[in-house]
Protein backbone atom coordinates (compact mmCIF):
# COMPACT_ATOMS: atom_id res chain seq x y z
CA UNK A 1 36.29 150.56 16.93
CA UNK A 2 36.90 146.78 15.76
CA UNK A 3 35.61 144.67 18.48
CA UNK A 4 38.42 141.79 18.24
CA UNK A 5 41.21 144.89 18.39
CA UNK A 6 39.54 146.51 21.52
CA UNK A 7 40.06 143.24 23.09
CA UNK A 8 43.71 142.98 22.12
CA UNK A 9 44.78 145.93 23.25
CA UNK A 10 42.62 144.97 26.90
CA UNK A 11 44.66 142.00 27.22
CA UNK A 12 47.80 143.98 26.59
CA UNK A 13 47.01 146.17 29.45
CA UNK A 14 46.47 143.88 31.85
CA UNK A 15 49.27 141.64 30.84
CA UNK A 16 51.70 144.43 31.35
CA UNK A 17 50.41 145.33 34.28
CA UNK A 18 50.81 142.26 35.94
CA UNK A 19 53.97 142.14 34.51
CA UNK A 20 55.70 145.06 35.87
CA UNK A 21 53.95 144.10 39.19
CA UNK A 22 55.83 140.68 38.91
CA UNK A 23 58.94 142.41 38.01
CA UNK A 24 59.09 145.40 40.94
CA UNK A 25 58.55 142.58 43.30
CA UNK A 26 61.57 140.79 41.92
CA UNK A 27 63.81 143.31 42.41
CA UNK A 28 62.95 144.46 45.46
CA UNK A 29 64.95 142.38 47.38
CA UNK A 30 67.70 143.58 45.87
CA UNK A 31 66.99 147.17 45.27
CA UNK A 32 69.77 149.93 46.83
CA UNK A 33 68.38 150.41 50.89
CA UNK A 34 67.37 153.45 51.58
CA UNK A 35 67.81 155.48 48.05
CA UNK A 36 67.60 158.97 48.22
CA UNK A 37 65.40 161.38 47.10
CA UNK A 38 67.29 163.05 44.51
CA UNK A 39 66.70 160.01 42.46
CA UNK A 40 64.09 161.69 40.50
CA UNK A 41 66.43 164.15 39.56
CA UNK A 42 67.90 162.13 36.58
CA UNK A 43 69.82 164.20 34.38
CA UNK A 44 71.02 161.78 31.59
CA UNK A 45 68.96 158.34 31.17
CA UNK A 46 71.55 156.19 31.02
CA UNK A 47 73.46 154.31 33.95
CA UNK A 48 77.02 152.99 34.37
CA UNK A 49 77.63 149.32 33.12
CA UNK A 50 79.01 146.85 35.98
CA UNK A 51 81.94 144.92 34.28
CA UNK A 52 83.99 143.11 37.35
CA UNK A 53 83.62 140.98 39.56
CA UNK A 54 80.57 139.46 37.44
CA UNK A 55 76.93 139.16 38.93
CA UNK A 56 76.95 136.22 41.62
CA UNK A 57 80.71 135.89 42.27
CA UNK A 58 82.49 134.41 45.01
CA UNK A 59 85.28 135.77 46.83
CA UNK A 60 87.24 134.75 49.91
CA UNK A 61 90.12 137.83 50.56
CA UNK A 62 88.98 141.01 50.43
CA UNK A 63 91.20 142.57 48.37
CA UNK A 64 88.54 143.28 45.51
CA UNK A 65 88.48 145.69 42.70
CA UNK A 66 84.61 146.75 41.09
CA UNK A 67 84.95 147.78 37.87
CA UNK A 68 82.31 149.09 35.77
CA UNK A 69 82.16 151.67 32.33
CA UNK A 70 80.00 154.44 31.19
CA UNK A 71 78.44 155.51 28.01
CA UNK A 72 80.36 158.98 28.49
CA UNK A 73 83.20 160.66 30.34
CA UNK A 74 82.80 162.27 33.30
CA UNK A 75 81.92 166.15 33.58
CA UNK A 76 84.16 168.63 35.49
CA UNK A 77 81.37 168.70 37.92
CA UNK A 78 80.71 164.72 38.39
CA UNK A 79 81.79 161.60 40.07
CA UNK A 80 80.42 157.94 40.36
CA UNK A 81 78.81 157.10 43.46
CA UNK A 82 79.39 153.65 44.54
CA UNK A 83 77.23 151.52 47.00
CA UNK A 84 77.54 148.69 49.15
CA UNK A 85 75.83 147.14 51.27
CA UNK A 86 74.78 143.72 52.86
CA UNK A 87 71.57 141.83 53.76
CA UNK A 88 72.20 143.18 56.98
CA UNK A 89 73.92 146.35 56.85
CA UNK A 90 73.30 149.97 55.42
CA UNK A 91 74.84 151.29 52.37
CA UNK A 92 77.84 152.64 51.94
CA UNK A 93 78.85 155.52 49.79
CA UNK A 94 82.49 155.83 47.87
CA UNK A 95 83.25 158.72 45.22
CA UNK A 96 85.81 158.42 42.74
CA UNK A 97 86.91 159.91 39.35
CA UNK A 98 87.72 156.60 38.29
CA UNK A 99 86.04 153.39 36.89
CA UNK A 100 87.60 151.02 39.44
CA UNK A 101 87.95 151.14 42.66
CA UNK A 102 89.66 148.76 45.58
CA UNK A 103 87.09 147.85 48.58
CA UNK A 104 89.37 146.25 51.28
CA UNK A 105 88.61 148.39 53.50
CA UNK A 106 85.27 148.60 52.94
CA UNK A 107 84.67 145.08 52.71
CA UNK A 108 86.68 144.41 56.08
CA UNK A 109 84.70 147.45 57.70
CA UNK A 110 81.45 145.14 58.02
CA UNK A 111 83.04 142.30 59.77
CA UNK A 112 81.66 139.69 57.68
CA UNK A 113 83.20 136.62 57.15
CA UNK A 114 80.53 134.98 55.10
CA UNK A 115 77.48 136.23 53.11
CA UNK A 116 76.29 138.34 50.21
CA UNK A 117 77.28 141.89 49.36
CA UNK A 118 75.73 144.10 46.91
CA UNK A 119 76.79 147.08 44.75
CA UNK A 120 75.52 149.51 42.54
CA UNK A 121 77.21 153.01 40.79
CA UNK A 122 75.58 155.86 39.41
CA UNK A 123 77.12 159.32 38.57
CA UNK A 124 76.41 162.48 40.75
CA UNK A 125 76.73 166.04 39.82
CA UNK A 126 78.28 168.56 42.72
CA UNK A 127 78.19 172.52 42.74
CA UNK A 128 81.03 174.93 42.85
CA UNK A 129 81.77 173.96 46.56
CA UNK A 130 81.58 169.88 46.06
CA UNK A 131 78.53 169.20 47.66
CA UNK A 132 76.24 166.71 45.99
CA UNK A 133 73.69 168.59 43.51
CA UNK A 134 71.47 166.45 41.28
CA UNK A 135 71.71 162.88 39.65
CA UNK A 136 74.17 162.66 36.73
CA UNK A 137 72.63 159.11 35.96
CA UNK A 138 70.25 155.98 36.86
CA UNK A 139 71.58 153.85 39.01
CA UNK A 140 72.97 150.79 37.64
CA UNK A 141 71.67 147.59 38.02
CA UNK A 142 72.64 145.63 41.03
CA UNK A 143 75.49 142.72 41.44
CA UNK A 144 75.89 140.29 44.04
CA UNK A 145 78.86 139.23 45.28
CA UNK A 146 79.29 136.39 47.76
CA UNK A 147 81.99 136.13 50.45
CA UNK A 148 83.00 132.42 51.04
CA UNK A 149 85.88 130.77 53.19
CA UNK A 150 86.55 128.91 50.39
CA UNK A 151 85.64 128.70 46.76
CA UNK A 152 83.41 126.34 44.88
CA UNK A 153 84.91 123.83 42.59
CA UNK A 154 83.20 123.91 38.98
CA UNK A 155 80.16 121.30 38.55
CA UNK A 156 80.55 119.40 35.31
CA UNK A 157 78.28 120.23 32.20
CA UNK A 158 75.09 118.36 32.10
CA UNK A 159 76.20 116.44 29.19
CA UNK A 160 79.10 115.28 30.96
CA UNK A 161 77.58 114.31 34.03
CA UNK A 162 77.15 110.94 34.61
CA UNK A 163 73.54 109.80 34.44
CA UNK A 164 73.21 109.63 38.41
CA UNK A 165 75.19 113.07 38.39
CA UNK A 166 72.19 113.97 35.95
CA UNK A 167 69.73 112.91 37.85
CA UNK A 168 70.72 114.85 40.95
CA UNK A 169 71.26 117.79 39.80
CA UNK A 170 67.85 117.78 38.31
CA UNK A 171 66.25 117.40 41.44
CA UNK A 172 65.12 120.59 43.36
CA UNK A 173 67.43 120.43 46.77
CA UNK A 174 70.02 122.76 48.39
CA UNK A 175 73.79 121.99 48.82
CA UNK A 176 73.04 120.87 52.16
CA UNK A 177 70.15 118.32 51.21
CA UNK A 178 71.94 117.14 47.83
CA UNK A 179 74.99 116.11 50.03
CA UNK A 180 72.80 114.04 52.09
CA UNK A 181 70.62 112.58 49.18
CA UNK A 182 74.03 111.60 47.36
CA UNK A 183 75.29 109.45 50.94
CA UNK A 184 71.81 108.19 50.90
CA UNK A 185 72.27 106.90 47.38
CA UNK A 186 75.22 104.97 48.54
CA UNK A 187 74.29 103.68 51.41
CA UNK A 188 70.91 102.47 50.00
CA UNK A 189 72.33 100.93 47.01
CA UNK A 190 75.59 99.31 47.99
CA UNK A 191 76.31 95.93 49.94
CA UNK A 192 79.11 96.61 52.55
CA UNK A 193 81.24 93.46 51.94
CA UNK A 194 84.78 92.68 50.44
CA UNK A 195 84.31 94.44 47.26
CA UNK A 196 85.68 93.75 43.87
CA UNK A 197 88.15 95.55 41.80
CA UNK A 198 86.47 98.50 40.47
CA UNK A 199 88.28 101.92 38.58
CA UNK A 200 89.78 104.30 40.97
CA UNK A 201 87.25 106.67 41.14
CA UNK A 202 84.35 104.01 41.24
CA UNK A 203 82.30 105.56 38.54
CA UNK A 204 81.68 101.63 37.42
CA UNK A 205 80.53 100.91 40.82
CA UNK A 206 78.35 104.09 40.81
CA UNK A 207 76.87 103.15 37.48
CA UNK A 208 76.05 99.55 38.78
CA UNK A 209 74.02 101.62 41.73
CA UNK A 210 72.60 103.54 39.59
CA UNK A 211 71.16 100.57 37.17
CA UNK A 212 70.20 98.53 40.58
CA UNK A 213 68.49 101.42 41.82
CA UNK A 214 66.57 101.54 38.49
CA UNK A 215 65.10 97.91 38.88
CA UNK A 216 67.85 97.12 35.80
CA UNK A 217 70.14 94.88 38.15
CA UNK A 218 69.73 91.85 40.17
CA UNK A 219 72.24 93.09 43.29
CA UNK A 220 74.18 96.24 44.01
CA UNK A 221 77.85 96.26 44.02
CA UNK A 222 80.27 95.63 47.26
CA UNK A 223 81.72 98.10 48.55
CA UNK A 224 84.03 98.49 51.86
CA UNK A 225 84.12 102.06 53.57
CA UNK A 226 87.18 103.56 50.86
CA UNK A 227 84.95 102.25 47.82
CA UNK A 228 81.81 103.92 49.34
CA UNK A 229 84.04 106.98 50.16
CA UNK A 230 85.37 107.34 46.96
CA UNK A 231 82.24 106.99 44.95
CA UNK A 232 80.34 109.36 46.77
CA UNK A 233 83.33 111.65 46.24
CA UNK A 234 83.19 111.62 42.38
CA UNK A 235 79.08 111.73 42.33
CA UNK A 236 79.66 115.26 44.26
CA UNK A 237 82.48 116.18 42.16
CA UNK A 238 80.38 115.81 39.16
CA UNK A 239 77.90 118.06 41.03
CA UNK A 240 80.30 120.66 41.79
CA UNK A 241 80.73 120.18 45.36
CA UNK A 242 83.81 119.43 46.84
CA UNK A 243 84.89 116.59 49.31
CA UNK A 244 88.36 115.00 50.51
CA UNK A 245 89.15 111.37 51.81
CA UNK A 246 90.14 111.24 55.32
CA UNK A 247 92.29 108.05 56.08
CA UNK A 248 92.20 107.61 59.86
CA UNK A 249 94.56 105.61 61.81
CA UNK A 250 94.22 103.58 65.81
CA UNK A 251 96.24 101.84 67.58
CA UNK A 252 95.15 98.44 68.12
CA UNK A 253 96.42 94.98 69.63
CA UNK A 254 99.09 93.94 67.51
CA UNK A 255 98.39 96.16 64.33
CA UNK A 256 97.23 99.78 63.26
CA UNK A 257 93.54 99.79 62.69
CA UNK A 258 92.47 101.75 59.95
CA UNK A 259 88.93 103.26 58.10
CA UNK A 260 88.39 105.60 55.55
CA UNK A 261 85.66 108.55 55.53
CA UNK A 262 84.65 111.40 53.32
CA UNK A 263 84.92 115.29 54.76
CA UNK A 264 82.53 116.90 52.50
CA UNK A 265 82.85 121.28 52.04
CA UNK A 266 79.22 122.20 52.67
CA UNK A 267 78.61 125.62 50.52
CA UNK A 268 75.95 126.77 52.66
CA UNK A 269 77.40 126.52 55.77
CA UNK A 270 80.74 126.96 54.24
CA UNK A 271 82.53 124.11 56.85
CA UNK A 272 83.78 120.90 55.95
CA UNK A 273 81.62 117.77 57.45
CA UNK A 274 82.58 114.39 58.34
CA UNK A 275 80.31 111.47 56.23
CA UNK A 276 80.78 107.79 57.74
CA UNK A 277 79.51 105.63 54.91
CA UNK A 278 80.37 102.63 56.32
CA UNK A 279 78.37 102.97 59.32
CA UNK A 280 75.76 105.20 57.79
CA UNK A 281 76.61 108.43 60.04
CA UNK A 282 77.56 112.04 60.16
CA UNK A 283 78.97 114.15 63.65
CA UNK A 284 77.31 116.90 65.17
CA UNK A 285 78.56 118.71 68.30
CA UNK A 286 75.75 119.20 71.05
CA UNK A 287 73.85 120.86 72.06
CA UNK A 288 73.80 123.14 68.91
CA UNK A 289 73.65 119.98 66.52
CA UNK A 290 76.28 121.41 64.33
CA UNK A 291 78.37 119.26 61.88
CA UNK A 292 81.74 118.96 62.73
CA UNK A 293 85.40 118.52 60.91
CA UNK A 294 87.42 115.76 61.25
CA UNK A 295 89.83 117.90 62.62
CA UNK A 296 87.17 119.20 65.15
CA UNK A 297 87.27 115.36 66.24
CA UNK A 298 90.50 114.07 66.06
CA UNK A 299 91.62 117.44 68.47
CA UNK A 300 88.56 117.87 70.32
CA UNK A 301 86.50 116.17 73.22
CA UNK A 302 84.39 113.23 71.96
CA UNK A 303 81.69 114.15 75.32
CA UNK A 304 79.68 116.46 73.38
CA UNK A 305 79.73 114.76 69.97
CA UNK A 306 76.89 112.83 68.56
CA UNK A 307 76.23 110.23 65.58
CA UNK A 308 73.28 110.75 63.08
CA UNK A 309 72.14 108.14 61.15
CA UNK A 310 71.62 109.44 57.77
CA UNK A 311 68.68 107.00 56.98
CA UNK A 312 67.12 109.01 59.88
CA UNK A 313 66.31 108.32 63.69
CA UNK A 314 67.77 110.28 66.57
CA UNK A 315 71.36 111.49 66.78
CA UNK A 316 73.01 109.76 70.02
CA UNK A 317 76.55 108.69 71.01
CA UNK A 318 75.96 104.83 70.52
CA UNK A 319 75.32 105.78 67.02
CA UNK A 320 79.04 106.53 66.50
CA UNK A 321 80.83 104.11 69.06
CA UNK A 322 81.86 102.05 66.22
CA UNK A 323 83.57 104.76 64.06
CA UNK A 324 84.63 107.25 66.98
CA UNK A 325 87.57 105.17 68.08
CA UNK A 326 89.68 105.65 64.72
CA UNK A 327 90.20 109.72 65.18
CA UNK A 328 93.46 109.12 66.43
CA UNK A 329 95.34 110.59 63.66
CA UNK A 330 94.55 111.08 59.45
CA UNK A 331 95.83 112.08 56.63
CA UNK A 332 93.64 113.83 53.87
CA UNK A 333 93.91 111.94 50.69
CA UNK A 334 97.27 110.21 49.15
CA UNK A 335 99.41 112.67 51.21
CA UNK A 336 102.08 112.64 53.14
CA UNK A 337 101.12 114.64 55.81
CA UNK A 338 99.72 113.31 58.88
CA UNK A 339 97.85 115.03 61.77
CA UNK A 340 98.22 112.69 64.91
CA UNK A 341 96.45 113.43 68.58
CA UNK A 342 99.62 112.41 71.40
CA UNK A 343 96.88 112.08 73.61
CA UNK A 344 95.44 109.16 71.55
CA UNK A 345 98.56 108.00 69.53
CA UNK A 346 102.17 106.91 70.53
CA UNK A 347 104.07 107.69 67.60
CA UNK A 348 106.37 105.54 68.86
CA UNK A 349 104.63 102.16 68.61
CA UNK A 350 105.11 99.35 66.25
CA UNK A 351 102.82 97.38 64.86
CA UNK A 352 103.02 93.65 64.11
CA UNK A 353 100.46 93.39 61.56
CA UNK A 354 102.31 96.38 59.47
CA UNK A 355 105.72 94.16 59.17
CA UNK A 356 106.62 95.97 62.66
CA UNK A 357 106.94 99.46 61.55
CA UNK A 358 105.39 102.45 63.18
CA UNK A 359 102.76 104.78 61.78
CA UNK A 360 105.19 107.55 59.74
CA UNK A 361 107.10 103.97 58.26
CA UNK A 362 103.71 102.75 57.55
CA UNK A 363 102.63 105.86 55.52
CA UNK A 364 105.84 107.04 54.10
CA UNK A 365 107.16 103.34 52.64
CA UNK A 366 109.77 104.26 50.46
CA UNK A 367 109.42 107.83 50.88
CA UNK A 368 109.79 107.83 54.92
CA UNK A 369 111.61 111.34 54.42
CA UNK A 370 108.35 112.97 52.57
CA UNK A 371 106.24 112.17 55.63
CA UNK A 372 105.04 115.29 58.27
CA UNK A 373 103.90 114.57 61.42
CA UNK A 374 101.44 117.73 62.34
CA UNK A 375 100.03 118.11 66.12
CA UNK A 376 99.72 122.15 65.59
CA UNK A 377 96.04 122.09 66.22
CA UNK A 378 96.68 119.88 69.42
CA UNK A 379 95.02 121.11 72.78
CA UNK A 380 95.60 120.20 76.47
CA UNK A 381 95.47 116.57 77.30
CA UNK A 382 92.09 117.53 79.54
CA UNK A 383 89.99 118.99 76.04
CA UNK A 384 90.62 115.51 74.57
CA UNK A 385 89.17 112.23 76.10
């Protein structure tokens, strides 16, 4: 045999062997648990094709339908077998003759509010008594479904992103790391001072920050709490991470004190978390150090909360003292719905600095009838501090 041909054949054998091992290792984490021993008795060398929901889809409600198709119709002694499982629970199997099935009861049976589910389909043959005989097909590929509390918003395409969002999208960061990195970018590349007029989404200020970070500008933009929070909201929105402005209100001698923070929905923890860009902190609950929402800060006790500097340093009560006092009333974005903790805010108070208006009149303006005051999450007076 030609020596060169022999070398090529040997190389192909080695590559095939390595590739097969790598492919098998990759599938191992998504392999159906405890596959039955009848899988070897495959009658037809095909598998059903999974159609809907798509692999990697997210869902909130358990009222979910699985849809698939197959190259041929079922025979008189055949069923589709559907297996559903999670990372922590073994599979549960359902038989049907239809090519779609509702799995609400199965999903609910796991009591699994957040996390990954997996499913696949095969054809099974049964005997005259309807008992499993052997496999009528191979098992289909495995699709993953992720149950979340809130669906993710779509990210912009790379071509549509701003330069700073493109930069962040190319970094190897988890969602949690990405959120903190954007916070840190704005904190580092802006000055907390009286701000100039910028676009409503602060995209022009973001470009100045980026140019300053790249050494193309001598000075960063001057931004107050609302400008910094809006800039972070804009960048995160491009990256497919949902956030919302939180306007805070607190009574002060002679005027209504106001502050703006950002609340981000972390797709990993599936929880809202507050980022205060004016004082460069996020909030956690002690001793778990779990990040908390604006609602938790407004209606819950402050005695077990800590502020954590985004630039690093210990989480402690001192870090949050400048901002925690604003959490007496809040609204999410430019809405007329206001959440108030009545232990901290007297709704009858009028403020000279706001032309003698009370909170509802100040927020409602010419649309006072649209204002809704919400105290539905207020606990007992003992729970507030």
